[in-house]
Amino acid sequence: MATRAGLLKRFFSTSMFSSQTTAAANAKPAPIPSTTLFISGLNKRTTSEKLNEEASKFGEVVHARVVTDRSSGYSKGFGFVKYATIAQAEQGIKGLDAQFLDGWVIFAEFARSRTPPGYLASTENNTHQAEMD
């Protein structure tokens, strides 16, 4: 009877391989450790000074910056903290991740490097141009 229920469950599922494909598709590449942390979930009233004060509890902060809106001057809800060493940055993640700051839960992770604007488009254009020649 248990095998029959298992077969029915598999039959009515979206795919026989759904659990395997969704796990592989949703897996993010492991972040590369760096001294800079990306902090998200900030209150719009959080300042760079407040972020620096909180982050300095977990290591030597080189620089802390809350990204703000140009017109209002309020936080856009995220910022960056740069620590002196990677070990201190790891301590910063452990100490800041899923903690309250100014009444909001914040999240900390290693910052990822940005792809320069137009980088992908320029490589595609160069490939296309080479094919035309």
Protein backbone atom coordinates (compact mmCIF):
# COMPACT_ATOMS: atom_id res chain seq x y z
CA MET A 1 0.00 0.00 0.00
CA ALA A 2 2.86 2.37 0.80
CA THR A 3 4.39 1.78 -2.63
CA ARG A 4 1.05 2.53 -4.25
CA ALA A 5 0.84 5.88 -2.40
CA GLY A 6 4.42 6.63 -3.47
CA LEU A 7 3.60 5.86 -7.09
CA LEU A 8 0.50 8.06 -7.00
CA LYS A 9 2.49 10.89 -5.43
CA ARG A 10 5.14 10.59 -8.13
CA PHE A 11 2.50 10.34 -10.87
CA PHE A 12 0.72 13.50 -9.75
CA SER A 13 3.88 15.49 -9.15
CA THR A 14 5.03 17.98 -11.77
CA SER A 15 8.07 15.95 -12.67
CA MET A 16 9.75 12.73 -11.62
CA PHE A 17 13.00 14.66 -11.30
CA SER A 18 11.61 17.87 -9.79
CA SER A 19 13.35 17.51 -6.43
CA GLN A 20 16.70 16.97 -8.12
CA THR A 21 16.40 19.75 -10.69
CA THR A 22 15.01 22.39 -8.34
CA ALA A 23 17.77 21.77 -5.83
CA ALA A 24 20.41 22.14 -8.54
CA ALA A 25 18.73 25.17 -10.09
CA ASN A 26 18.30 26.99 -6.77
CA ALA A 27 21.85 26.33 -5.56
CA LYS A 28 23.84 29.55 -5.43
CA PRO A 29 27.56 29.45 -5.99
CA ALA A 30 29.46 29.76 -2.74
CA PRO A 31 30.45 33.39 -2.14
CA ILE A 32 34.13 34.19 -2.36
CA PRO A 33 35.35 35.38 1.04
CA SER A 34 36.42 39.01 1.05
CA THR A 35 36.91 41.77 3.58
CA THR A 36 33.80 43.60 2.35
CA LEU A 37 30.34 42.61 3.56
CA PHE A 38 27.01 43.39 1.93
CA ILE A 39 24.42 44.36 4.55
CA SER A 40 20.75 44.28 3.53
CA GLY A 41 17.47 44.94 5.29
CA LEU A 42 18.52 48.30 6.76
CA ASN A 43 15.96 50.76 8.10
CA LYS A 44 15.67 53.90 5.97
CA ARG A 45 16.78 55.96 8.98
CA THR A 46 19.98 53.94 9.56
CA THR A 47 23.14 56.01 9.09
CA SER A 48 26.67 55.03 8.13
CA GLU A 49 27.81 55.99 11.64
CA LYS A 50 25.27 53.63 13.25
CA LEU A 51 26.29 50.80 10.90
CA ASN A 52 29.96 51.46 11.69
CA GLU A 53 29.22 51.42 15.42
CA GLU A 54 27.41 48.05 15.21
CA ALA A 55 29.96 46.44 12.88
CA SER A 56 32.94 47.53 14.97
CA LYS A 57 31.77 45.18 17.75
CA PHE A 58 33.05 42.27 15.64
CA GLY A 59 36.38 43.59 14.33
CA GLU A 60 38.31 46.55 13.00
CA VAL A 61 36.11 48.40 10.52
CA VAL A 62 38.03 50.16 7.76
CA HIS A 63 34.93 51.70 6.18
CA ALA A 64 31.15 51.44 6.61
CA ARG A 65 28.72 53.02 4.17
CA VAL A 66 24.94 53.04 3.91
CA VAL A 67 23.79 53.63 0.34
CA THR A 68 21.35 56.55 0.32
CA ASP A 69 18.80 57.98 -2.07
CA ARG A 70 20.05 61.16 -3.76
CA SER A 71 16.85 63.14 -3.38
CA SER A 72 15.61 62.14 0.09
CA GLY A 73 18.93 61.28 1.73
CA TYR A 74 17.36 58.21 3.35
CA SER A 75 18.90 54.74 3.21
CA LYS A 76 18.05 52.55 0.24
CA GLY A 77 18.02 49.59 2.63
CA PHE A 78 21.52 48.27 2.08
CA GLY A 79 25.14 49.12 2.71
CA PHE A 80 28.69 47.85 2.84
CA VAL A 81 31.17 47.24 5.65
CA LYS A 82 34.87 46.72 4.98
CA TYR A 83 36.90 44.94 7.66
CA ALA A 84 40.68 44.85 8.04
CA THR A 85 40.92 41.05 7.61
CA ILE A 86 38.84 38.21 6.20
CA ALA A 87 38.70 36.57 9.64
CA GLN A 88 37.14 39.73 11.08
CA ALA A 89 34.70 39.85 8.16
CA GLU A 90 33.64 36.27 8.96
CA GLN A 91 33.08 37.30 12.58
CA GLY A 92 31.08 40.26 11.28
CA ILE A 93 28.80 37.94 9.31
CA LYS A 94 28.26 35.72 12.35
CA GLY A 95 27.56 38.73 14.55
CA LEU A 96 25.42 40.85 12.22
CA ASP A 97 23.44 38.30 10.21
CA ALA A 98 19.77 38.03 11.26
CA GLN A 99 20.16 40.65 14.01
CA PHE A 100 18.05 43.72 14.77
CA LEU A 101 19.37 47.17 13.90
CA ASP A 102 17.11 50.20 14.35
CA GLY A 103 14.12 47.88 14.71
CA TRP A 104 14.71 45.94 11.48
CA VAL A 105 16.28 42.53 10.89
CA ILE A 106 19.46 42.89 8.86
CA PHE A 107 21.36 40.30 6.85
CA ALA A 108 25.10 40.11 6.25
CA GLU A 109 27.01 38.22 3.56
CA PHE A 110 30.25 38.55 1.63
CA ALA A 111 29.94 41.22 -1.05
CA ARG A 112 30.08 39.97 -4.63
CA SER A 113 32.03 41.86 -7.26
CA ARG A 114 29.96 43.66 -9.87
CA THR A 115 30.19 43.01 -13.58
CA PRO A 116 31.15 46.30 -15.22
CA PRO A 117 28.23 47.89 -17.11
CA GLY A 118 28.22 46.91 -20.76
CA TYR A 119 30.80 44.16 -20.24
CA LEU A 120 28.60 41.32 -21.48
CA ALA A 121 27.15 43.40 -24.29
CA SER A 122 30.60 44.39 -25.53
CA THR A 123 31.78 40.76 -25.64
CA GLU A 124 28.68 39.74 -27.58
CA ASN A 125 29.20 42.60 -30.02
CA ASN A 126 32.85 41.65 -30.54
CA THR A 127 31.88 38.03 -31.22
CA HIS A 128 29.16 39.10 -33.61
CA GLN A 129 31.52 41.52 -35.36
CA ALA A 130 34.15 38.80 -35.77
CA GLU A 131 31.57 36.49 -37.35
CA MET A 132 30.62 39.18 -39.86
CA ASP A 133 34.23 39.73 -41.01
